[in-house]
Protein backbone atom coordinates (compact mmCIF):
# COMPACT_ATOMS: atom_id res chain seq x y z
CA MET A 1 -29.24 59.34 36.89
CA PRO A 2 -31.62 61.97 38.94
CA ILE A 3 -35.36 60.42 39.57
CA GLY A 4 -36.62 63.37 38.33
CA LEU A 5 -35.11 62.92 34.86
CA PHE A 6 -37.11 59.41 34.21
CA ALA A 7 -39.08 59.60 31.89
CA SER A 8 -42.61 57.78 33.17
CA ASP A 9 -43.47 57.46 36.75
CA GLU A 10 -43.62 53.85 36.65
CA ALA A 11 -39.65 53.97 36.16
CA ARG A 12 -39.44 56.57 38.76
CA LEU A 13 -40.95 55.14 41.38
CA ASP A 14 -39.09 51.56 40.97
CA ALA A 15 -35.80 53.62 41.33
CA LEU A 16 -37.28 54.90 44.22
CA ARG A 17 -38.52 51.23 45.72
CA GLN A 18 -34.71 50.36 44.93
CA GLU A 19 -33.21 53.43 46.77
CA PHE A 20 -35.57 52.47 50.08
CA GLU A 21 -34.75 48.82 49.74
CA HIS A 22 -31.24 49.92 50.01
CA GLU A 23 -31.90 52.36 52.91
CA ALA A 24 -33.42 49.71 55.06
CA SER A 25 -30.82 47.53 54.95
CA PHE A 26 -28.63 47.17 58.44
CA SER A 27 -25.11 47.81 56.94
CA GLN A 28 -21.58 48.48 57.73
CA VAL A 29 -21.90 52.41 57.23
CA PHE A 30 -25.60 52.51 59.19
CA VAL A 31 -23.49 50.69 62.13
CA VAL A 32 -20.45 53.10 62.23
CA LEU A 33 -23.06 56.28 61.42
CA THR A 34 -24.87 54.87 64.56
CA VAL A 35 -21.78 54.45 66.98
CA GLY A 36 -20.65 57.67 66.07
CA ALA A 37 -23.67 59.56 66.76
CA THR A 38 -24.16 57.85 69.58
CA LEU A 39 -20.97 58.71 71.23
CA ILE A 40 -21.14 62.28 70.04
CA ALA A 41 -24.30 62.87 71.31
CA SER A 42 -23.72 61.11 74.38
CA LEU A 43 -20.60 62.90 75.00
CA GLY A 44 -22.25 66.26 73.99
CA LEU A 45 -25.29 65.41 76.20
CA LEU A 46 -23.01 64.88 79.46
CA ALA A 47 -21.18 67.96 78.76
CA ASN A 48 -24.47 70.07 78.34
CA SER A 49 -22.99 71.34 74.87
CA PRO A 50 -25.71 71.96 72.63
CA GLY A 51 -23.51 72.53 69.02
CA VAL A 52 -21.86 69.07 69.95
CA VAL A 53 -25.87 67.52 69.96
CA ILE A 54 -26.30 69.15 66.94
CA GLY A 55 -23.65 67.77 65.43
CA ALA A 56 -24.69 64.25 66.46
CA MET A 57 -28.38 65.00 65.12
CA VAL A 58 -26.49 65.55 61.32
CA VAL A 59 -24.46 62.28 61.59
CA ALA A 60 -27.30 60.00 62.48
CA PRO A 61 -28.71 57.91 60.12
CA TRP A 62 -31.75 55.88 61.44
CA ILE A 63 -34.25 58.87 59.26
CA LEU A 64 -33.35 56.47 56.10
CA PRO A 65 -34.78 53.44 57.25
CA LEU A 66 -37.66 55.28 58.90
CA GLN A 67 -38.65 56.67 55.45
CA ALA A 68 -38.14 53.54 53.92
CA MET A 69 -41.38 51.93 56.57
CA ALA A 70 -43.14 54.78 55.81
CA PHE A 71 -42.76 53.65 51.89
CA GLU A 72 -43.34 50.13 52.27
CA ILE A 73 -46.52 50.53 54.53
CA LEU A 74 -47.75 52.59 51.61
CA GLN A 75 -46.54 49.83 48.95
CA GLY A 76 -48.01 47.14 51.23
CA ARG A 77 -44.87 45.27 51.35
CA LEU A 78 -44.89 43.97 54.96
CA PRO A 79 -41.54 41.73 54.63
CA MET A 80 -39.64 44.89 53.63
CA PHE A 81 -40.89 46.55 56.29
CA LEU A 82 -39.98 44.66 58.85
CA ARG A 83 -36.70 44.52 57.25
CA ALA A 84 -36.76 48.57 57.48
CA LEU A 85 -38.03 48.32 61.45
CA ARG A 86 -35.53 45.64 62.46
CA THR A 87 -32.64 47.84 61.06
CA LEU A 88 -33.86 51.14 63.05
CA MET A 89 -34.56 48.55 66.11
CA LEU A 90 -31.42 47.22 66.02
CA GLY A 91 -29.66 50.74 65.84
CA VAL A 92 -31.84 51.79 68.65
CA VAL A 93 -30.45 48.82 70.57
CA VAL A 94 -26.38 49.54 70.02
CA CYS A 95 -27.45 53.36 71.00
CA VAL A 96 -28.98 52.66 74.46
CA LEU A 97 -26.46 50.02 75.31
CA LEU A 98 -23.43 52.47 74.12
CA ALA A 99 -24.95 55.50 76.03
CA MET A 100 -25.41 53.26 79.09
CA ALA A 101 -21.93 52.44 79.04
CA VAL A 102 -20.87 55.98 78.39
CA GLY A 103 -23.27 57.12 81.65
CA HIS A 104 -21.50 54.52 83.61
CA LEU A 105 -17.97 55.75 82.97
CA VAL A 106 -18.50 59.37 83.49
CA ALA A 107 -21.24 58.76 86.30
CA LEU A 108 -22.44 62.00 86.46
CA PRO A 109 -23.85 63.19 90.16
CA SER A 110 -26.21 65.57 88.00
CA PHE A 111 -27.25 66.26 84.58
CA GLY A 112 -27.68 70.07 82.58
CA SER A 113 -30.77 70.75 80.30
CA GLU A 114 -29.33 69.06 77.28
CA VAL A 115 -30.57 66.07 79.26
CA ILE A 116 -33.49 67.32 81.45
CA ASN A 117 -35.11 68.84 78.44
CA ARG A 118 -35.27 65.65 76.43
CA THR A 119 -37.27 64.49 79.50
CA SER A 120 -41.01 66.22 78.75
CA PRO A 121 -42.15 66.01 75.45
CA ASN A 122 -45.40 67.83 74.63
CA LEU A 123 -48.00 68.17 71.36
CA LEU A 124 -45.30 70.72 69.82
CA ASP A 125 -42.94 68.17 69.69
CA LEU A 126 -45.34 65.72 67.66
CA GLY A 127 -46.19 69.09 65.57
CA VAL A 128 -42.99 69.51 64.55
CA ALA A 129 -42.34 65.62 63.67
CA LEU A 130 -45.07 65.59 61.54
CA VAL A 131 -44.19 68.37 59.36
CA ALA A 132 -40.63 67.12 59.19
CA GLY A 133 -41.54 63.98 57.96
CA ALA A 134 -43.75 65.56 55.58
CA VAL A 135 -40.88 68.01 54.37
CA ALA A 136 -38.44 64.72 54.56
CA MET A 137 -40.27 62.72 52.24
CA TYR A 138 -40.57 65.59 50.04
CA ALA A 139 -36.64 66.31 49.71
CA LYS A 140 -36.63 62.58 48.80
CA LEU A 141 -39.17 62.81 45.66
CA ARG A 142 -38.01 66.51 44.82
CA LYS A 143 -34.06 65.94 44.30
CA ASP A 144 -33.60 69.84 44.22
CA ALA A 145 -34.38 69.96 47.84
CA ILE A 146 -32.33 67.84 49.09
CA SER A 147 -30.27 70.47 50.55
CA ALA A 148 -32.80 70.74 53.15
CA LEU A 149 -32.33 66.94 54.86
CA ALA A 150 -29.36 68.53 57.36
CA GLY A 151 -31.64 70.68 58.74
CA LEU A 152 -34.43 68.29 59.18
CA ALA A 153 -32.18 65.92 61.21
CA ILE A 154 -31.65 68.63 63.41
CA ALA A 155 -35.33 69.95 63.96
CA VAL A 156 -36.17 66.10 64.72
CA ALA A 157 -33.66 64.38 66.52
CA LEU A 158 -33.77 60.54 66.86
CA VAL A 159 -30.57 59.79 68.84
CA PRO A 160 -30.46 62.14 71.20
CA PRO A 161 -33.36 60.71 72.94
CA MET A 162 -32.44 57.42 72.94
CA CYS A 163 -29.17 58.66 74.18
CA VAL A 164 -30.98 60.07 77.23
CA VAL A 165 -32.70 56.70 77.56
CA GLY A 166 -29.46 55.10 78.27
CA ILE A 167 -27.62 57.66 80.48
CA LEU A 168 -30.70 58.13 82.75
CA LEU A 169 -30.96 54.46 82.97
CA SER A 170 -27.54 54.09 83.85
CA SER A 171 -28.34 56.55 86.67
CA SER A 172 -31.47 54.59 87.26
CA LEU A 173 -33.56 57.16 86.59
CA TRP A 174 -36.56 55.42 85.44
CA ALA A 175 -39.28 58.06 84.93
CA GLN A 176 -36.79 60.58 83.38
CA ALA A 177 -35.29 57.60 81.18
CA TYR A 178 -39.81 57.19 80.27
CA GLY A 179 -40.10 60.68 79.36
CA ALA A 180 -37.13 60.40 77.18
CA LEU A 181 -38.62 57.50 75.33
CA LEU A 182 -41.75 58.98 74.94
CA LEU A 183 -40.10 61.92 72.76
CA PHE A 184 -38.24 59.22 70.88
CA ILE A 185 -41.91 57.52 69.90
CA THR A 186 -43.26 60.49 69.19
CA ASN A 187 -40.64 61.49 66.82
CA LEU A 188 -40.95 58.26 65.22
CA LEU A 189 -44.48 58.15 64.51
CA GLY A 190 -44.38 61.83 63.65
CA ILE A 191 -41.78 61.53 61.33
CA MET A 192 -43.39 58.27 59.68
CA VAL A 193 -47.02 59.72 59.46
CA GLY A 194 -45.82 62.79 58.16
CA ALA A 195 -43.85 61.24 55.37
CA MET A 196 -47.01 58.50 54.53
CA ALA A 197 -48.84 61.78 54.64
CA ALA A 198 -46.49 63.87 51.78
CA LEU A 199 -46.08 60.65 49.74
CA GLY A 200 -49.82 59.98 49.59
CA THR A 201 -50.38 63.40 48.71
CA LEU A 202 -47.35 63.76 45.89
CA GLU A 203 -47.99 60.82 44.54
CA LYS A 204 -51.11 59.89 42.93
CA GLY A 205 -50.94 56.04 43.08
CA TYR A 206 -50.65 55.86 47.03
CA ARG A 207 -53.39 58.03 47.85
CA SER A 208 -55.94 55.43 48.19
CA ARG A 209 -53.53 53.32 50.11
CA LEU A 210 -53.12 56.06 52.56
CA LEU A 211 -56.72 55.51 53.26
CA HIS A 212 -57.08 52.11 53.42
CA SER A 213 -53.41 50.57 54.27
CA ARG A 214 -54.15 48.53 57.73
CA LEU A 215 -50.12 49.43 58.17
CA SER A 216 -51.03 53.19 57.70
CA LEU A 217 -54.06 53.29 59.66
CA THR A 218 -52.28 51.25 62.63
CA SER A 219 -49.60 53.99 62.55
CA VAL A 220 -51.90 56.81 62.23
CA ALA A 221 -53.91 55.40 65.53
CA LEU A 222 -50.95 54.85 67.43
CA THR A 223 -49.96 58.74 66.74
CA ALA A 224 -53.47 60.01 68.11
CA LEU A 225 -53.31 57.87 70.80
CA LEU A 226 -49.81 59.63 71.65
CA VAL A 227 -52.10 63.03 72.42
CA ILE A 228 -52.92 61.53 75.52
CA PRO A 229 -49.98 62.09 77.60
CA LEU A 230 -48.42 64.84 75.19
CA GLY A 231 -51.40 66.56 75.62
CA SER A 232 -51.28 66.39 79.37
CA SER A 233 -47.28 67.63 79.42
CA PHE A 234 -48.63 70.43 77.31
CA TYR A 235 -51.03 71.52 79.58
CA ARG A 236 -48.59 71.38 82.39
CA LEU A 237 -46.35 73.59 80.32
CA LEU A 238 -48.99 76.19 79.75
CA GLN A 239 -50.12 76.28 83.37
CA ARG A 240 -46.18 76.32 84.34
CA SER A 241 -45.66 79.41 81.71
CA ARG A 242 -48.97 80.91 83.13
CA GLN A 243 -47.14 81.17 86.49
CA GLU A 244 -44.18 82.54 85.30
CA THR A 245 -45.82 85.21 83.77
CA LYS A 246 -47.68 86.54 86.55
CA ALA A 247 -44.61 85.91 89.04
CA GLN A 248 -42.57 88.12 87.06
CA GLN A 249 -45.69 90.72 86.71
CA LEU A 250 -46.01 90.83 90.67
CA GLU A 251 -42.14 91.25 90.59
CA VAL A 252 -42.34 94.39 88.14
CA ALA A 253 -45.76 95.59 90.31
CA ILE A 254 -43.58 95.54 93.73
CA GLU A 255 -40.48 96.91 92.23
CA GLN A 256 -42.71 99.88 91.37
CA GLN A 257 -44.71 100.43 94.08
CA LEU A 258 -41.02 100.21 96.43
CA ARG A 259 -39.74 103.06 94.00
CA SER A 260 -42.74 105.39 93.76
CA SER A 261 -45.22 105.10 96.92
CA THR A 262 -44.33 106.87 100.08
CA ILE A 263 -43.29 104.07 102.30
CA THR A 264 -40.91 102.65 100.37
CA LEU A 265 -36.90 101.92 100.76
CA GLY A 266 -36.57 104.45 98.16
CA SER A 267 -38.12 107.44 99.78
CA ASP A 268 -34.99 108.21 101.86
CA PRO A 269 -32.16 109.85 100.05
CA ALA A 270 -29.64 107.99 101.76
CA ILE A 271 -31.24 104.76 100.37
CA ASP A 272 -30.73 103.87 96.96
CA LEU A 273 -32.74 100.65 95.65
CA VAL A 274 -30.63 98.89 93.03
CA GLY A 275 -33.00 95.74 92.34
CA LEU A 276 -35.36 92.83 93.66
CA SER A 277 -35.81 89.46 93.36
CA ILE A 278 -38.61 87.05 94.48
CA ASP A 279 -37.59 83.50 95.16
CA TRP A 280 -41.20 82.02 94.56
CA LYS A 281 -39.88 78.43 95.82
CA GLN A 282 -40.23 79.48 99.86
CA ASN A 283 -43.64 80.17 101.39
CA PRO A 284 -44.17 83.13 101.95
CA PRO A 285 -42.35 84.11 98.86
CA LEU A 286 -39.03 85.78 99.63
CA ILE A 287 -38.24 89.42 98.35
CA ARG A 288 -35.18 90.26 98.25
CA ALA A 289 -34.18 94.00 97.93
CA ARG A 290 -31.17 95.54 97.14
CA VAL A 291 -30.07 98.85 98.13
CA ARG A 292 -27.12 100.92 98.42
CA VAL A 293 -26.87 103.36 101.36
CA THR A 294 -24.52 106.32 102.46
CA ASP A 295 -25.91 105.46 106.11
CA PRO A 296 -24.90 102.28 107.19
CA SER A 297 -27.39 102.16 110.34
CA LEU A 298 -30.74 102.52 107.54
CA PRO A 299 -32.86 100.94 106.87
CA THR A 300 -33.69 100.03 110.36
CA SER A 301 -35.21 97.17 111.03
CA ARG A 302 -38.52 99.15 111.63
CA GLN A 303 -38.14 100.62 108.14
CA VAL A 304 -38.14 97.01 106.78
CA ALA A 305 -41.08 95.62 108.90
CA ASP A 306 -43.20 98.27 107.38
CA VAL A 307 -42.35 98.34 103.81
CA GLN A 308 -43.07 94.62 104.20
CA SER A 309 -46.65 95.58 106.02
CA PHE A 310 -47.49 97.73 103.17
CA ILE A 311 -46.69 95.13 100.51
CA ASN A 312 -48.85 92.07 102.30
CA ARG A 313 -51.34 95.09 102.23
CA SER A 314 -51.55 95.67 98.49
CA GLN A 315 -50.70 92.39 97.24
CA ALA A 316 -53.39 90.87 99.97
CA PRO A 317 -54.55 88.03 100.12
CA LEU A 318 -50.87 86.74 99.13
CA ARG A 319 -48.20 87.76 101.50
CA PHE A 320 -44.51 88.14 101.45
CA ARG A 321 -41.31 88.11 103.29
CA LEU A 322 -38.85 91.23 102.87
CA LEU A 323 -35.57 90.81 103.03
CA VAL A 324 -33.21 93.96 102.68
CA GLN A 325 -29.47 93.41 101.46
CA ARG A 326 -27.62 96.30 101.94
CA THR A 327 -24.23 97.95 100.61
CA ALA A 328 -22.55 101.12 102.54
CA VAL A 329 -21.36 103.27 100.42
CA ASP A 330 -18.96 106.42 100.92
CA LEU A 331 -19.53 109.90 99.39
CA VAL A 332 -16.08 111.47 99.15
CA GLY A 333 -15.72 114.92 97.60
CA PRO A 334 -14.83 118.54 98.85
CA GLU A 335 -17.51 120.92 99.28
CA THR A 336 -17.22 124.33 96.77
CA ALA A 337 -18.91 127.15 96.15
CA PRO A 338 -21.30 127.68 93.04
CA ASN A 339 -20.64 129.03 89.72
CA PRO A 340 -22.18 132.51 88.97
CA PRO A 341 -25.14 132.46 86.36
CA GLU A 342 -23.05 134.12 83.21
CA LEU A 343 -20.94 130.46 83.76
CA LYS A 344 -23.63 127.78 83.52
CA VAL A 345 -22.48 125.22 81.47
CA LEU A 346 -26.55 124.09 80.48
CA PRO A 347 -28.18 126.00 78.01
CA PRO A 348 -31.42 128.04 78.98
CA PRO A 349 -34.63 126.63 78.39
CA SER A 350 -35.73 127.08 74.45
CA GLN A 351 -37.89 130.36 74.05
CA VAL A 352 -39.51 131.29 70.65
CA PRO A 353 -37.57 133.44 68.87
CA LEU A 354 -38.81 137.19 68.33
CA PRO A 355 -39.09 138.31 64.65
CA GLU A 356 -35.60 140.11 63.17
CA SER A 357 -37.00 143.82 63.82
CA GLN A 358 -37.81 143.69 67.31
CA THR A 359 -34.29 141.67 68.48
CA SER A 360 -32.43 144.88 68.43
CA ASP A 361 -35.07 147.29 69.70
CA ASP A 362 -35.69 144.72 72.67
CA GLN A 363 -32.13 144.13 73.96
CA PRO A 364 -31.48 145.67 77.39
CA ASP A 365 -29.46 148.95 77.50
CA GLY A 366 -26.72 147.24 79.23
CA ASP A 367 -26.64 149.77 82.41
């Protein structure tokens, strides 16, 4: 019978307690789902397939013992908390060992974005984990919101970061593996603290325990410590975003200058500026201008040098190097005489119509 139908709060909480005790156990179902989720996630990460990784997130059962840990912290039952923690840690060990084995077998020389993106967590990841943990506990307490659990498993992944740890350890990439481990710890603590906050808010009997339990305060303190490395990563993310925005603005401004200024690749009718890109990794930054020309001798080296000087003057003190990539175009077509005015296809410019009384009088005689 659903929990919400129990007559008393005590009976409902007792049913919750039994559910969490069951979910904290290291069972065959937990092992099978952990192995399946690990293999799916590892192969999806190596294949750089977001859809496969998402499937692994849904299969993974780790959020169950994690919720049990949050519940047992507020219950003050240390043995049951340690039981749930043991279950989760055994799952982590199985996951890392399997992922390392898969990584050794596949032995890719490089990894795609699905792996790399999980090595630089920041404060945004912690925020997502806190909210997801709170909503997950709400769905646990309110059975009519249970459909949200699949989406929450996708929003905050626990298995994929540990698969990344195993894969990177198999390639001896220690620094990147640390970043993935930090993401896992962020998600773990964020979900647990968020779940405790939701449980303490929704259930009156747990509000005081939320603020006075040593395990609860320890969990919050550990989560707060994550702000230091995550904040540093978030600051680097902001700096990189600002630099990319500035680079895009400079690229647009330079392209507009080349199209509109008098000293420009586009000022000659024989040269058509198709596009422009800037390689900011080089010093000075390299501008690649793609042009179509009807005269293969254009643009001349002198023209390119003049345009480069013009760009460097306009963007001083920043200096650029200009490289023009030209494609010759042959214009083929015979000459023909122009059409007489009365055969023009386009209509004449619109004019204000005259009143009907004047239109017949103002018509030409036709002589």
